[in-house]
Every structure is written in structure tokens, then in C-alpha cells.
Protein backbone atom coordinates (compact mmCIF):
# COMPACT_ATOMS: atom_id res chain seq x y z
CA MET A 1 -47.80 25.64 5.98
CA LYS A 2 -46.15 28.27 8.40
CA ALA A 3 -44.82 30.18 5.55
CA LEU A 4 -48.37 30.53 4.13
CA LYS A 5 -49.67 31.61 7.35
CA LYS A 6 -46.81 34.30 7.60
CA VAL A 7 -47.70 35.50 3.92
CA PHE A 8 -51.17 35.91 5.01
CA LEU A 9 -50.24 37.61 8.15
CA VAL A 10 -47.96 40.15 6.24
CA ILE A 11 -50.94 40.85 3.71
CA ALA A 12 -53.35 41.31 6.41
CA VAL A 13 -51.31 43.77 8.26
CA LEU A 14 -50.38 45.56 5.02
CA ILE A 15 -54.11 45.86 4.24
CA ALA A 16 -55.04 47.04 7.73
CA GLY A 17 -52.15 49.64 7.53
CA VAL A 18 -53.33 50.99 4.27
CA ALA A 19 -56.97 51.26 5.74
CA ILE A 20 -55.68 52.86 8.92
CA LEU A 21 -53.77 55.35 6.81
CA ALA A 22 -56.66 56.22 4.59
CA GLY A 23 -58.79 56.66 7.61
CA VAL A 24 -56.52 59.39 9.01
CA ALA A 25 -55.19 60.91 6.01
CA LYS A 26 -56.93 64.30 4.80
CA LYS A 27 -59.79 63.96 2.67
CA GLU A 28 -60.22 67.75 1.63
CA TYR A 29 -57.80 69.93 -0.50
CA SER A 30 -58.04 73.53 -1.77
CA VAL A 31 -56.32 75.56 -4.32
CA GLN A 32 -56.20 79.51 -4.40
CA ARG A 33 -54.42 82.01 -6.57
CA GLN A 34 -54.61 85.86 -6.69
CA ILE A 35 -53.75 88.42 -9.21
CA GLU A 36 -53.89 92.59 -9.10
CA ILE A 37 -55.69 93.60 -12.26
CA ASN A 38 -55.34 97.50 -13.17
CA LYS A 39 -58.91 98.06 -13.74
CA PRO A 40 -61.92 99.31 -11.62
CA HIS A 41 -63.53 96.74 -9.41
CA THR A 42 -67.00 96.97 -10.79
CA GLU A 43 -65.55 96.28 -14.40
CA VAL A 44 -63.50 93.30 -13.37
CA PHE A 45 -66.49 91.71 -11.24
CA SER A 46 -68.96 92.30 -14.26
CA TYR A 47 -66.63 90.41 -16.56
CA LEU A 48 -65.97 87.49 -14.05
CA LYS A 49 -69.64 87.27 -13.66
CA PHE A 50 -70.33 85.83 -16.96
CA LEU A 51 -69.28 82.33 -17.13
CA LYS A 52 -68.86 82.32 -21.00
CA ASN A 53 -66.04 84.84 -20.43
CA GLN A 54 -63.82 82.00 -18.77
CA ASP A 55 -63.28 80.59 -22.39
CA ASN A 56 -61.18 83.57 -23.13
CA PHE A 57 -58.82 82.78 -20.11
CA SER A 58 -59.33 79.23 -18.85
CA VAL A 59 -56.16 77.01 -19.47
CA TRP A 60 -58.71 74.13 -19.98
CA ALA A 61 -60.76 75.73 -22.56
CA ALA A 62 -57.45 76.62 -24.43
CA ARG A 63 -56.50 72.78 -24.24
CA ASP A 64 -59.29 71.90 -26.70
CA PRO A 65 -60.69 74.74 -28.58
CA ASN A 66 -62.84 72.28 -30.55
CA MET A 67 -64.67 70.86 -27.40
CA LYS A 68 -68.46 70.70 -27.57
CA LYS A 69 -70.14 73.44 -25.47
CA GLU A 70 -73.75 73.72 -24.42
CA PHE A 71 -75.27 76.67 -22.39
CA ARG A 72 -78.56 76.59 -20.28
CA GLY A 73 -80.05 79.51 -18.57
CA THR A 74 -79.00 83.32 -18.55
CA ASP A 75 -75.34 83.77 -18.41
CA GLY A 76 -74.29 85.94 -15.21
CA THR A 77 -77.22 84.78 -13.30
CA ILE A 78 -77.68 82.19 -10.65
CA GLY A 79 -78.52 78.71 -12.14
CA PHE A 80 -76.71 79.51 -15.52
CA VAL A 81 -74.89 76.16 -16.88
CA SER A 82 -71.90 75.82 -18.99
CA ALA A 83 -71.42 72.16 -20.00
CA TRP A 84 -68.51 70.91 -22.11
CA ASP A 85 -67.50 67.74 -23.66
CA SER A 86 -63.93 66.98 -24.96
CA THR A 87 -61.95 63.96 -26.06
CA ASN A 88 -58.88 65.56 -24.50
CA GLU A 89 -58.61 63.72 -21.06
CA GLU A 90 -57.16 66.84 -19.41
CA VAL A 91 -60.43 68.56 -20.18
CA GLY A 92 -62.98 65.75 -20.01
CA LYS A 93 -66.57 66.22 -19.83
CA GLY A 94 -68.72 68.09 -17.19
CA GLU A 95 -70.56 71.18 -16.35
CA GLN A 96 -70.21 74.14 -14.12
CA GLU A 97 -73.15 75.97 -12.61
CA ILE A 98 -73.42 79.49 -11.09
CA LYS A 99 -74.76 78.80 -7.53
CA LYS A 100 -74.49 82.09 -5.70
CA ILE A 101 -73.73 85.70 -6.73
CA THR A 102 -72.64 88.27 -4.04
CA GLU A 103 -72.66 91.19 -6.32
CA ASN A 104 -69.12 92.84 -6.61
CA GLU A 105 -67.73 90.41 -4.07
CA ARG A 106 -67.98 86.75 -4.95
CA ILE A 107 -69.23 84.15 -7.54
CA ASP A 108 -69.75 80.50 -6.31
CA TYR A 109 -69.73 77.72 -8.83
CA GLU A 110 -70.41 74.10 -8.70
CA LEU A 111 -68.31 72.02 -10.99
CA ARG A 112 -69.69 68.46 -11.85
CA PHE A 113 -67.03 66.44 -13.65
CA LEU A 114 -68.35 63.48 -15.51
CA LYS A 115 -65.33 62.08 -17.32
CA PRO A 116 -62.70 60.93 -16.93
CA PHE A 117 -63.84 60.76 -13.29
CA GLU A 118 -66.97 61.70 -11.66
CA SER A 119 -66.87 64.27 -8.76
CA THR A 120 -68.77 67.43 -7.76
CA GLU A 121 -66.56 70.23 -6.55
CA GLN A 122 -66.72 73.81 -5.48
CA ALA A 123 -65.01 76.83 -7.15
CA TYR A 124 -65.14 80.59 -6.67
CA PHE A 125 -63.73 84.04 -7.70
CA THR A 126 -63.63 86.86 -5.32
CA THR A 127 -62.91 90.59 -6.23
CA GLU A 128 -61.56 93.32 -3.94
CA ALA A 129 -60.79 96.87 -4.74
CA THR A 130 -57.39 98.07 -3.75
CA SER A 131 -57.97 101.34 -5.27
CA ASP A 132 -60.20 103.15 -7.60
CA ASN A 133 -58.42 101.44 -10.49
CA SER A 134 -57.07 98.41 -9.09
CA THR A 135 -58.71 94.98 -8.10
CA VAL A 136 -57.36 91.73 -6.43
CA VAL A 137 -58.93 88.69 -8.05
CA THR A 138 -58.83 85.43 -6.08
CA TRP A 139 -59.56 82.07 -8.17
CA GLY A 140 -60.36 79.33 -5.57
CA PHE A 141 -61.10 75.42 -5.91
CA ASN A 142 -62.37 73.16 -3.05
CA GLY A 143 -62.28 69.52 -3.35
CA LYS A 144 -62.94 66.29 -1.61
CA MET A 145 -61.50 62.79 -2.14
CA PRO A 146 -63.68 59.98 -0.62
CA TYR A 147 -62.37 57.40 1.57
CA PRO A 148 -60.08 55.12 0.45
CA MET A 149 -59.36 57.21 -2.73
CA ASN A 150 -57.92 60.06 -0.19
CA LEU A 151 -54.77 58.11 -0.15
CA MET A 152 -53.93 59.82 -3.24
CA LEU A 153 -53.71 63.12 -1.59
CA LEU A 154 -50.53 61.86 0.26
CA PHE A 155 -48.93 61.39 -3.15
CA MET A 156 -50.50 64.22 -5.31
CA ASP A 157 -50.10 68.08 -4.72
CA PHE A 158 -53.16 69.44 -6.07
CA ASP A 159 -52.01 72.95 -5.23
CA ALA A 160 -49.04 72.54 -7.43
CA MET A 161 -51.08 70.84 -10.14
CA LEU A 162 -53.93 73.16 -10.34
CA GLY A 163 -52.22 76.29 -9.04
CA LYS A 164 -49.99 76.76 -12.13
CA ASP A 165 -53.32 76.43 -14.36
CA PHE A 166 -54.84 79.16 -12.09
CA ASP A 167 -51.84 81.28 -12.33
CA SER A 168 -51.76 81.14 -16.07
CA GLY A 169 -55.61 81.74 -16.34
CA LEU A 170 -55.34 84.77 -14.13
CA SER A 171 -52.45 86.14 -16.11
CA LYS A 172 -54.40 85.92 -19.28
CA LEU A 173 -57.34 87.44 -17.50
CA LYS A 174 -55.26 90.43 -16.50
CA ALA A 175 -53.97 90.77 -20.11
CA ILE A 176 -57.44 90.88 -21.39
CA LEU A 177 -58.89 93.30 -18.96
CA GLU A 178 -55.77 95.55 -19.06
CA LYS A 179 -56.04 95.96 -22.85
């Protein structure tokens, strides 16, 4: 009987420890990458503003060129939605909506993932002229992990995981715009 009490005590302490750890672990993460593109600022921003253009440089679009796509609204304007559905788990199912455009500065998106997991996250592009013929593009993503799922942030490096995809996408974007 004493052994059983000790086992239950150890299990209770472990559960309490995990609950406390999840309570103090960070719940938010962000990923951001930049690239300099040798094109005028307005030209770069005008290209980025159209969500359909992301299919030309997005790593995720390249992972499943046969995914089903659906568009709602007028591309390049607030409220435009690009939805996708893929059997590839790395791509999944979801939609992206343009939420805000600050002309020649920033485009904010809401990403709504439906499969393989449900979540809603924020993404953005910013552009900044560094000369008459050079623009720095920043691609960013902000996410949240609810309690107790935030424990995964202790073991997963979203910056490393998504950062390489952002770097690859930005390199493709640079090649497209500098042609």
C-alpha cells in the first residue's frame, strides 16, 4: 500500500510540475526574415500587395502545385481571401486574408489554418526603400500556442523551422523581381 501511495505521489508531482512549467513557458513566437531586392520600392510593394503572386515564391505552394485554390474578393485589396486545400500535410488546408494595407509600407494578413491543425495567426510583409533602386522586404509571422500546448515551444524552434522557408521564399521573390 505504501508503494502505491508513493507512485501516486510521484505522478501527482510530475503532473503539477508540467502544469506549472506550461504556466510559465512562453506562449507566443515570431519569425522574421529580410532580403534586399534591387528594384524600386513602389514596384516591389505593388507585386507583394497581390496575394496571388505568393504562389510564385511561396515554398508551401511549391510543395503541392496541384493543391486546390479558391479566391474571394478583389486581389490586392483588404478582405481578399486566398484559400487552399492540399493532401500534403506540410501544406494542409486553410486560408489567408488581407486585413490591412499601409500603401508602400506594410501588408497584414490573417492566416487561418484548418488542417492538419486549427489555428489563426498573423503574417505581414513590410517594404523599405534603401535607395531609388533598392528595397528591403521583411516577411514576418507571429503565432501563439495556448496553454498547455505552449510546452511545445520549449522543444520546437519555430524561427529555425519557418525561417528557412521564409529565406527560400524571399530568395525566389528576389529572383523574380530582379529578372
